[in-house]
Amino acid sequence: MKKIILTALACVTILLSGCASIISGTNQTLTFNSNVEGVNVYVDGALIGKTPVSVSFKKNKAQTVMFKKKGYETVIRSITKKFDPVALLDIFWDLSTTDFITGAVYEYEPNSIYVEMPIKE
């Protein structure tokens, strides 16, 4: 009886975890930099640090990044995502539901965002 329960528990665990979640993870590290050091970097309105900075994000969360420093114009960029082909393996696993829920079906592209900060006139 104990073997049946352990086997059933193992099967449920496997079925509830997606391929992209396992292989690529649900987080991704993004790097932000500019031609000027010490620029404040905001992701979705929250300050995450000063350039250069690298931070890990949930793959389905980050949308925009803003670079801001006194004496320079503010620069805003969209953080783009693309479909992670590893998620195709998940179709055989659990019909891709886990990876869509966790956001692992996407990956940020590019991993690094660099901006030129224009001087305010």
N, C-alpha and C. Protein backbone atom coordinates (compact mmCIF):
# COMPACT_ATOMS: atom_id res chain seq x y z
N MET A 1 0.83 -1.19 0.00
CA MET A 1 0.00 0.00 0.00
C MET A 1 0.87 1.26 0.00
N LYS A 2 1.95 1.23 0.77
CA LYS A 2 2.85 2.37 0.86
C LYS A 2 3.49 2.66 -0.50
N LYS A 3 3.84 1.61 -1.27
CA LYS A 3 4.43 1.79 -2.59
C LYS A 3 3.44 2.43 -3.56
N ILE A 4 2.18 2.05 -3.45
CA ILE A 4 1.15 2.61 -4.33
C ILE A 4 0.97 4.09 -4.05
N ILE A 5 0.93 4.46 -2.80
CA ILE A 5 0.77 5.88 -2.42
C ILE A 5 1.98 6.69 -2.89
N LEU A 6 3.18 6.18 -2.68
CA LEU A 6 4.39 6.89 -3.11
C LEU A 6 4.44 7.02 -4.63
N THR A 7 4.06 5.98 -5.33
CA THR A 7 4.04 6.02 -6.79
C THR A 7 3.01 7.03 -7.28
N ALA A 8 1.84 7.03 -6.68
CA ALA A 8 0.79 7.99 -7.05
C ALA A 8 1.24 9.42 -6.78
N LEU A 9 1.88 9.64 -5.65
CA LEU A 9 2.38 10.97 -5.29
C LEU A 9 3.45 11.43 -6.27
N ALA A 10 4.33 10.54 -6.67
CA ALA A 10 5.38 10.87 -7.64
C ALA A 10 4.76 11.22 -8.99
N CYS A 11 3.75 10.47 -9.41
CA CYS A 11 3.08 10.74 -10.69
C CYS A 11 2.39 12.10 -10.67
N VAL A 12 1.70 12.42 -9.61
CA VAL A 12 1.02 13.70 -9.49
C VAL A 12 2.04 14.84 -9.53
N THR A 13 3.13 14.70 -8.82
CA THR A 13 4.18 15.72 -8.81
C THR A 13 4.73 15.94 -10.22
N ILE A 14 5.00 14.88 -10.93
CA ILE A 14 5.51 14.99 -12.29
C ILE A 14 4.50 15.66 -13.20
N LEU A 15 3.24 15.29 -13.09
CA LEU A 15 2.21 15.86 -13.96
C LEU A 15 1.94 17.33 -13.68
N LEU A 16 2.19 17.77 -12.46
CA LEU A 16 1.93 19.16 -12.10
C LEU A 16 3.11 20.08 -12.36
N SER A 17 4.21 19.56 -12.85
CA SER A 17 5.36 20.41 -13.16
C SER A 17 5.59 20.41 -14.66
N GLY A 18 5.67 21.60 -15.25
CA GLY A 18 5.85 21.72 -16.69
C GLY A 18 7.29 21.60 -17.10
N CYS A 19 7.50 21.26 -18.36
CA CYS A 19 8.86 21.09 -18.89
C CYS A 19 9.66 22.38 -18.86
N ALA A 20 9.06 23.47 -19.36
CA ALA A 20 9.79 24.73 -19.37
C ALA A 20 10.06 25.21 -17.95
N SER A 21 9.13 24.92 -17.02
CA SER A 21 9.35 25.28 -15.62
C SER A 21 10.57 24.55 -15.07
N ILE A 22 10.71 23.28 -15.46
CA ILE A 22 11.82 22.47 -14.97
C ILE A 22 13.12 22.84 -15.66
N ILE A 23 13.10 22.96 -16.99
CA ILE A 23 14.32 23.18 -17.76
C ILE A 23 14.77 24.64 -17.71
N SER A 24 13.87 25.57 -17.99
CA SER A 24 14.23 26.98 -18.08
C SER A 24 13.94 27.77 -16.80
N GLY A 25 13.07 27.26 -15.97
CA GLY A 25 12.71 27.96 -14.74
C GLY A 25 11.62 28.98 -14.97
N THR A 26 11.09 29.51 -13.88
CA THR A 26 10.03 30.51 -13.96
C THR A 26 10.58 31.92 -13.76
N ASN A 27 11.86 32.04 -13.45
CA ASN A 27 12.52 33.34 -13.29
C ASN A 27 13.60 33.51 -14.35
N GLN A 28 13.94 34.76 -14.63
CA GLN A 28 15.02 35.06 -15.57
C GLN A 28 15.72 36.33 -15.11
N THR A 29 17.03 36.34 -15.19
CA THR A 29 17.81 37.52 -14.80
C THR A 29 17.93 38.47 -15.97
N LEU A 30 17.60 39.74 -15.72
CA LEU A 30 17.74 40.80 -16.71
C LEU A 30 18.80 41.78 -16.23
N THR A 31 19.58 42.30 -17.17
CA THR A 31 20.63 43.26 -16.86
C THR A 31 20.28 44.60 -17.50
N PHE A 32 20.44 45.66 -16.73
CA PHE A 32 20.13 47.01 -17.22
C PHE A 32 21.39 47.87 -17.10
N ASN A 33 21.72 48.60 -18.17
CA ASN A 33 22.91 49.43 -18.18
C ASN A 33 22.68 50.64 -19.08
N SER A 34 23.55 51.62 -18.92
CA SER A 34 23.45 52.83 -19.74
C SER A 34 24.85 53.41 -19.94
N ASN A 35 24.92 54.43 -20.78
CA ASN A 35 26.19 55.09 -21.02
C ASN A 35 26.61 55.97 -19.83
N VAL A 36 25.71 56.14 -18.87
CA VAL A 36 25.97 56.94 -17.67
C VAL A 36 25.82 56.02 -16.46
N GLU A 37 26.81 56.02 -15.57
CA GLU A 37 26.70 55.20 -14.36
C GLU A 37 25.78 55.85 -13.35
N GLY A 38 25.17 55.03 -12.51
CA GLY A 38 24.36 55.53 -11.42
C GLY A 38 22.98 56.01 -11.81
N VAL A 39 22.46 55.55 -12.93
CA VAL A 39 21.11 55.91 -13.36
C VAL A 39 20.12 55.02 -12.59
N ASN A 40 19.09 55.64 -12.01
CA ASN A 40 18.06 54.87 -11.31
C ASN A 40 17.26 54.05 -12.31
N VAL A 41 17.06 52.77 -11.99
CA VAL A 41 16.31 51.87 -12.87
C VAL A 41 15.04 51.44 -12.14
N TYR A 42 13.90 51.68 -12.79
CA TYR A 42 12.60 51.32 -12.25
C TYR A 42 11.97 50.27 -13.17
N VAL A 43 11.51 49.19 -12.61
CA VAL A 43 10.77 48.19 -13.39
C VAL A 43 9.35 48.18 -12.88
N ASP A 44 8.42 48.45 -13.79
CA ASP A 44 7.00 48.57 -13.45
C ASP A 44 6.78 49.51 -12.28
N GLY A 45 7.54 50.61 -12.26
CA GLY A 45 7.39 51.65 -11.25
C GLY A 45 8.16 51.46 -9.96
N ALA A 46 8.78 50.30 -9.77
CA ALA A 46 9.52 50.02 -8.54
C ALA A 46 11.03 50.17 -8.79
N LEU A 47 11.70 50.94 -7.93
CA LEU A 47 13.15 51.12 -8.04
C LEU A 47 13.85 49.80 -7.75
N ILE A 48 14.69 49.35 -8.69
CA ILE A 48 15.41 48.08 -8.48
C ILE A 48 16.90 48.30 -8.27
N GLY A 49 17.40 49.51 -8.50
CA GLY A 49 18.82 49.79 -8.30
C GLY A 49 19.32 50.84 -9.28
N LYS A 50 20.64 50.97 -9.31
CA LYS A 50 21.31 51.93 -10.20
C LYS A 50 22.16 51.17 -11.20
N THR A 51 22.28 51.74 -12.40
CA THR A 51 23.07 51.09 -13.44
C THR A 51 24.54 51.01 -13.05
N PRO A 52 25.19 49.92 -13.40
CA PRO A 52 24.64 48.69 -13.99
C PRO A 52 24.01 47.82 -12.90
N VAL A 53 22.91 47.14 -13.25
CA VAL A 53 22.21 46.31 -12.27
C VAL A 53 21.62 45.08 -12.96
N SER A 54 21.67 43.95 -12.28
CA SER A 54 21.05 42.71 -12.76
C SER A 54 20.11 42.20 -11.68
N VAL A 55 18.89 41.84 -12.08
CA VAL A 55 17.87 41.39 -11.14
C VAL A 55 17.08 40.25 -11.77
N SER A 56 16.66 39.29 -10.95
CA SER A 56 15.85 38.17 -11.40
C SER A 56 14.37 38.53 -11.28
N PHE A 57 13.62 38.23 -12.34
CA PHE A 57 12.19 38.52 -12.38
C PHE A 57 11.40 37.27 -12.73
N LYS A 58 10.17 37.19 -12.26
CA LYS A 58 9.24 36.17 -12.74
C LYS A 58 9.02 36.45 -14.22
N LYS A 59 8.99 35.41 -15.01
CA LYS A 59 8.90 35.58 -16.46
C LYS A 59 7.59 36.19 -16.94
N ASN A 60 6.58 36.18 -16.14
CA ASN A 60 5.30 36.75 -16.58
C ASN A 60 4.96 38.07 -15.90
N LYS A 61 5.95 38.73 -15.29
CA LYS A 61 5.65 39.92 -14.51
C LYS A 61 6.14 41.24 -15.13
N ALA A 62 7.43 41.39 -15.41
CA ALA A 62 8.00 42.68 -15.81
C ALA A 62 7.47 43.13 -17.16
N GLN A 63 7.08 44.41 -17.23
CA GLN A 63 6.50 44.97 -18.45
C GLN A 63 7.29 46.15 -19.01
N THR A 64 7.67 47.10 -18.14
CA THR A 64 8.38 48.30 -18.59
C THR A 64 9.55 48.62 -17.68
N VAL A 65 10.54 49.28 -18.26
CA VAL A 65 11.70 49.73 -17.48
C VAL A 65 11.89 51.22 -17.76
N MET A 66 12.20 51.97 -16.69
CA MET A 66 12.42 53.40 -16.80
C MET A 66 13.80 53.73 -16.24
N PHE A 67 14.57 54.50 -17.01
CA PHE A 67 15.89 54.96 -16.58
C PHE A 67 15.77 56.44 -16.27
N LYS A 68 16.22 56.85 -15.07
CA LYS A 68 16.01 58.23 -14.63
C LYS A 68 17.21 58.73 -13.84
N LYS A 69 17.70 59.92 -14.22
CA LYS A 69 18.80 60.55 -13.47
C LYS A 69 18.71 62.06 -13.67
N LYS A 70 19.00 62.79 -12.61
CA LYS A 70 18.95 64.25 -12.66
C LYS A 70 19.93 64.75 -13.72
N GLY A 71 19.47 65.69 -14.53
CA GLY A 71 20.29 66.26 -15.60
C GLY A 71 20.16 65.52 -16.92
N TYR A 72 19.42 64.41 -16.92
CA TYR A 72 19.22 63.61 -18.13
C TYR A 72 17.72 63.41 -18.36
N GLU A 73 17.36 63.23 -19.62
CA GLU A 73 15.97 62.93 -19.94
C GLU A 73 15.65 61.50 -19.52
N THR A 74 14.43 61.29 -19.06
CA THR A 74 13.97 59.96 -18.67
C THR A 74 13.77 59.11 -19.93
N VAL A 75 14.24 57.85 -19.85
CA VAL A 75 14.08 56.92 -20.97
C VAL A 75 13.22 55.75 -20.51
N ILE A 76 12.19 55.42 -21.28
CA ILE A 76 11.29 54.31 -20.95
C ILE A 76 11.35 53.29 -22.08
N ARG A 77 11.47 52.03 -21.71
CA ARG A 77 11.51 50.93 -22.68
C ARG A 77 10.53 49.83 -22.24
N SER A 78 9.96 49.17 -23.22
CA SER A 78 9.14 47.99 -22.94
C SER A 78 10.07 46.79 -22.78
N ILE A 79 9.71 45.92 -21.86
CA ILE A 79 10.44 44.66 -21.71
C ILE A 79 9.67 43.64 -22.51
N THR A 80 10.29 43.12 -23.55
CA THR A 80 9.58 42.22 -24.46
C THR A 80 9.80 40.76 -24.08
N LYS A 81 8.80 39.96 -24.40
CA LYS A 81 8.86 38.52 -24.14
C LYS A 81 8.64 37.79 -25.45
N LYS A 82 9.20 36.60 -25.53
CA LYS A 82 8.92 35.73 -26.67
C LYS A 82 8.62 34.34 -26.16
N PHE A 83 8.02 33.54 -27.00
CA PHE A 83 7.67 32.17 -26.65
C PHE A 83 8.94 31.35 -26.48
N ASP A 84 9.04 30.59 -25.39
CA ASP A 84 10.18 29.71 -25.14
C ASP A 84 9.89 28.36 -25.78
N PRO A 85 10.65 27.97 -26.83
CA PRO A 85 10.36 26.72 -27.53
C PRO A 85 10.42 25.47 -26.65
N VAL A 86 11.11 25.54 -25.53
CA VAL A 86 11.16 24.40 -24.60
C VAL A 86 9.76 24.04 -24.12
N ALA A 87 8.87 25.04 -24.08
CA ALA A 87 7.51 24.81 -23.61
C ALA A 87 6.74 23.85 -24.52
N LEU A 88 7.19 23.68 -25.76
CA LEU A 88 6.52 22.73 -26.65
C LEU A 88 6.58 21.31 -26.11
N LEU A 89 7.65 20.98 -25.39
CA LEU A 89 7.76 19.66 -24.78
C LEU A 89 6.64 19.42 -23.78
N ASP A 90 6.14 20.51 -23.22
CA ASP A 90 5.12 20.43 -22.18
C ASP A 90 3.77 19.96 -22.72
N ILE A 91 3.56 20.07 -24.03
CA ILE A 91 2.30 19.61 -24.62
C ILE A 91 2.09 18.12 -24.31
N PHE A 92 3.16 17.37 -24.32
CA PHE A 92 3.08 15.93 -24.02
C PHE A 92 2.97 15.67 -22.52
N TRP A 93 3.34 16.67 -21.75
CA TRP A 93 3.43 16.51 -20.29
C TRP A 93 2.09 16.78 -19.63
N ASP A 94 1.62 18.02 -19.74
CA ASP A 94 0.36 18.39 -19.09
C ASP A 94 -0.44 19.40 -19.91
N LEU A 95 -0.33 19.27 -21.24
CA LEU A 95 -1.03 20.16 -22.18
C LEU A 95 -0.65 21.63 -21.99
N SER A 96 0.55 21.89 -21.50
CA SER A 96 1.14 23.23 -21.35
C SER A 96 0.49 24.10 -20.27
N THR A 97 -0.41 23.57 -19.49
CA THR A 97 -1.11 24.40 -18.52
C THR A 97 -0.19 24.94 -17.44
N THR A 98 0.72 24.13 -16.93
CA THR A 98 1.61 24.58 -15.86
C THR A 98 2.50 25.73 -16.32
N ASP A 99 3.10 25.58 -17.49
CA ASP A 99 4.01 26.61 -17.98
C ASP A 99 3.27 27.92 -18.28
N PHE A 100 2.05 27.85 -18.77
CA PHE A 100 1.28 29.07 -19.00
C PHE A 100 0.94 29.76 -17.69
N ILE A 101 0.58 29.00 -16.68
CA ILE A 101 0.23 29.57 -15.38
C ILE A 101 1.44 30.23 -14.72
N THR A 102 2.59 29.57 -14.78
CA THR A 102 3.80 30.10 -14.12
C THR A 102 4.52 31.14 -14.95
N GLY A 103 4.20 31.23 -16.24
CA GLY A 103 4.89 32.17 -17.11
C GLY A 103 6.14 31.59 -17.74
N ALA A 104 6.46 30.34 -17.44
CA ALA A 104 7.66 29.70 -17.96
C ALA A 104 7.60 29.49 -19.46
N VAL A 105 6.43 29.63 -20.04
CA VAL A 105 6.26 29.47 -21.48
C VAL A 105 6.92 30.64 -22.24
N TYR A 106 7.26 31.71 -21.53
CA TYR A 106 7.88 32.89 -22.13
C TYR A 106 9.32 33.04 -21.65
N GLU A 107 10.09 33.84 -22.38
CA GLU A 107 11.41 34.26 -21.92
C GLU A 107 11.59 35.71 -22.36
N TYR A 108 12.28 36.48 -21.52
CA TYR A 108 12.54 37.87 -21.87
C TYR A 108 13.58 37.91 -22.97
N GLU A 109 13.34 38.78 -23.95
CA GLU A 109 14.24 38.92 -25.08
C GLU A 109 14.40 40.39 -25.38
N PRO A 110 15.54 40.98 -25.26
CA PRO A 110 16.83 40.40 -24.90
C PRO A 110 17.00 40.32 -23.37
N ASN A 111 18.07 39.66 -22.94
CA ASN A 111 18.37 39.54 -21.50
C ASN A 111 18.95 40.83 -20.93
N SER A 112 19.45 41.67 -21.80
CA SER A 112 20.14 42.87 -21.38
C SER A 112 19.57 44.08 -22.11
N ILE A 113 19.31 45.14 -21.35
CA ILE A 113 18.78 46.37 -21.94
C ILE A 113 19.77 47.50 -21.66
N TYR A 114 20.24 48.13 -22.74
CA TYR A 114 21.22 49.21 -22.66
C TYR A 114 20.59 50.45 -23.29
N VAL A 115 20.73 51.61 -22.62
CA VAL A 115 20.20 52.85 -23.17
C VAL A 115 21.26 53.96 -23.15
N GLU A 116 21.14 54.85 -24.11
CA GLU A 116 21.92 56.08 -24.14
C GLU A 116 21.05 57.13 -23.46
N MET A 117 21.60 57.78 -22.43
CA MET A 117 20.85 58.78 -21.69
C MET A 117 21.08 60.16 -22.33
N PRO A 118 20.03 60.77 -22.93
CA PRO A 118 20.19 62.09 -23.51
C PRO A 118 20.26 63.18 -22.42
N ILE A 119 21.18 64.11 -22.58
CA ILE A 119 21.33 65.22 -21.62
C ILE A 119 20.16 66.16 -21.79
N LYS A 120 19.59 66.62 -20.64
CA LYS A 120 18.49 67.57 -20.66
C LYS A 120 19.01 68.92 -21.11
N GLU A 121 18.23 69.57 -21.94
CA GLU A 121 18.64 70.91 -22.40
C GLU A 121 17.87 71.98 -21.73
